[in-house]
Every structure is written in structure tokens, then in C-alpha cells.
């Protein structure tokens, strides 16, 4: 199983988007990174996580609601499986207008 991504960081926040980046640390135990899986949802929500699969260690998530707190975390995926989750980051989108 690959190691969890590290240093999940918020690069930019607007009223309807959040840009994130992280380090995969190149720490693949048995196979190269195939993709990254980002999961997010409104903080405290019981809704299922929204998932996005990516090839690079960064993402800009759009179509978010203004003045809303979101929780994000990331996984590494390779031929050995999916890593444990990165540490979560909690972000509040800005006020619209």
C-alpha cells in the first residue's frame, strides 16, 4: 500500500473554489503513483464525500457554495491499492460579492 500524501495545503480560496496541493513524497512502497483521489464535503455533513481522481498533486475544486466550511483530504492510488488518508484540511469559502 502506498504512503499517505503529506503537507496538504490550501493555495487559494474564493467564494466558490478552493485550490489545494500536496506532496506524494515519492514514497511508493511497491509501485509508482497512478493517481490521487481527493475527497471533500461540507464540514459536519453526513452526505457522502464527493470524489475527484487526478494525475497531478494539485487540484482546483469549483462549484462550491459561498461562506461554507469544507473538509478535504487526499489519497495516493497505485497498483498496490489506496493509501491511508492525508491529514484533513478545513477551508471556509469567502463571501460572494
Protein backbone atom coordinates (compact mmCIF):
# COMPACT_ATOMS: atom_id res chain seq x y z
CA UNK A 1 0.00 0.00 0.00
CA UNK A 2 1.35 3.49 -0.81
CA UNK A 3 2.07 6.02 1.91
CA UNK A 4 -0.47 8.78 2.55
CA UNK A 5 0.12 12.17 0.91
CA UNK A 6 1.70 14.80 3.14
CA UNK A 7 1.55 18.55 3.56
CA UNK A 8 -1.93 19.08 2.13
CA UNK A 9 -2.07 22.86 1.75
CA UNK A 10 -4.58 25.47 0.66
CA UNK A 11 -3.15 27.67 -2.09
CA UNK A 12 -6.17 29.82 -2.92
CA UNK A 13 -9.75 30.33 -1.73
CA UNK A 14 -12.56 32.20 -3.49
CA UNK A 15 -16.30 32.33 -2.87
CA UNK A 16 -16.84 29.20 -4.99
CA UNK A 17 -13.49 27.42 -5.32
CA UNK A 18 -10.52 26.08 -3.39
CA UNK A 19 -7.08 25.28 -4.81
CA UNK A 20 -5.04 22.62 -2.98
CA UNK A 21 -1.62 21.00 -3.38
CA UNK A 22 0.21 18.22 -1.52
CA UNK A 23 3.37 16.12 -1.56
CA UNK A 24 3.24 12.50 -2.58
CA UNK A 25 6.78 12.30 -1.13
CA UNK A 26 7.69 9.87 -3.89
CA UNK A 27 7.19 7.18 -1.28
CA UNK A 28 5.71 4.34 -3.22
CA UNK A 29 6.35 1.09 -1.43
CA UNK A 30 5.75 -1.24 -4.34
CA UNK A 31 4.59 0.66 -7.42
CA UNK A 32 4.59 4.17 -8.89
CA UNK A 33 1.72 6.56 -8.21
CA UNK A 34 -1.12 6.02 -10.68
CA UNK A 35 -3.41 8.77 -9.43
CA UNK A 36 -4.59 10.84 -6.49
CA UNK A 37 -8.08 10.75 -5.06
CA UNK A 38 -9.43 13.94 -3.48
CA UNK A 39 -12.49 13.68 -1.26
CA UNK A 40 -14.44 16.65 0.07
CA UNK A 41 -17.77 17.68 1.54
CA UNK A 42 -19.26 20.42 3.64
CA UNK A 43 -17.76 20.14 7.12
CA UNK A 44 -20.05 18.30 9.54
CA UNK A 45 -22.21 16.99 6.71
CA UNK A 46 -23.43 13.41 6.72
CA UNK A 47 -23.56 13.45 2.90
CA UNK A 48 -21.22 11.16 1.00
CA UNK A 49 -17.85 12.62 0.06
CA UNK A 50 -17.51 13.99 -3.45
CA UNK A 51 -14.51 12.35 -5.13
CA UNK A 52 -12.17 13.51 -7.89
CA UNK A 53 -9.40 11.43 -9.41
CA UNK A 54 -6.30 13.34 -10.54
CA UNK A 55 -2.93 12.68 -12.11
CA UNK A 56 -1.05 15.61 -10.51
CA UNK A 57 -0.62 16.51 -6.82
CA UNK A 58 -2.81 19.60 -7.06
CA UNK A 59 -6.45 20.43 -7.68
CA UNK A 60 -8.78 23.37 -8.07
CA UNK A 61 -12.25 22.40 -6.84
CA UNK A 62 -15.02 24.63 -8.16
CA UNK A 63 -18.80 24.90 -7.90
CA UNK A 64 -18.62 25.27 -4.12
CA UNK A 65 -21.06 27.34 -2.06
CA UNK A 66 -20.00 30.71 -0.65
CA UNK A 67 -19.50 31.15 3.11
CA UNK A 68 -19.32 27.39 3.60
CA UNK A 69 -16.82 25.29 5.54
CA UNK A 70 -15.43 22.33 3.58
CA UNK A 71 -13.27 19.40 4.62
CA UNK A 72 -10.73 17.99 2.14
CA UNK A 73 -8.37 15.02 2.22
CA UNK A 74 -6.31 13.11 -0.34
CA UNK A 75 -5.25 9.52 -1.06
CA UNK A 76 -2.49 8.07 -3.27
CA UNK A 77 -3.53 5.24 -5.59
CA UNK A 78 -1.16 2.73 -7.21
CA UNK A 79 -1.18 -0.93 -8.23
CA UNK A 80 -0.82 -1.93 -4.56
CA UNK A 81 -4.05 -0.13 -3.62
CA UNK A 82 -5.13 3.09 -1.98
CA UNK A 83 -3.17 4.79 0.79
CA UNK A 84 -4.49 5.94 4.10
CA UNK A 85 -5.91 9.45 4.01
CA UNK A 86 -3.78 12.55 4.27
CA UNK A 87 -4.42 14.82 7.21
CA UNK A 88 -7.61 16.76 6.51
CA UNK A 89 -7.73 20.47 5.86
CA UNK A 90 -10.77 22.57 6.66
CA UNK A 91 -11.42 25.62 4.48
CA UNK A 92 -14.12 28.29 4.53
CA UNK A 93 -15.04 29.74 1.16
CA UNK A 94 -15.28 33.52 1.06
CA UNK A 95 -18.39 35.69 0.94
CA UNK A 96 -19.88 36.12 -2.55
CA UNK A 97 -19.99 39.63 -3.93
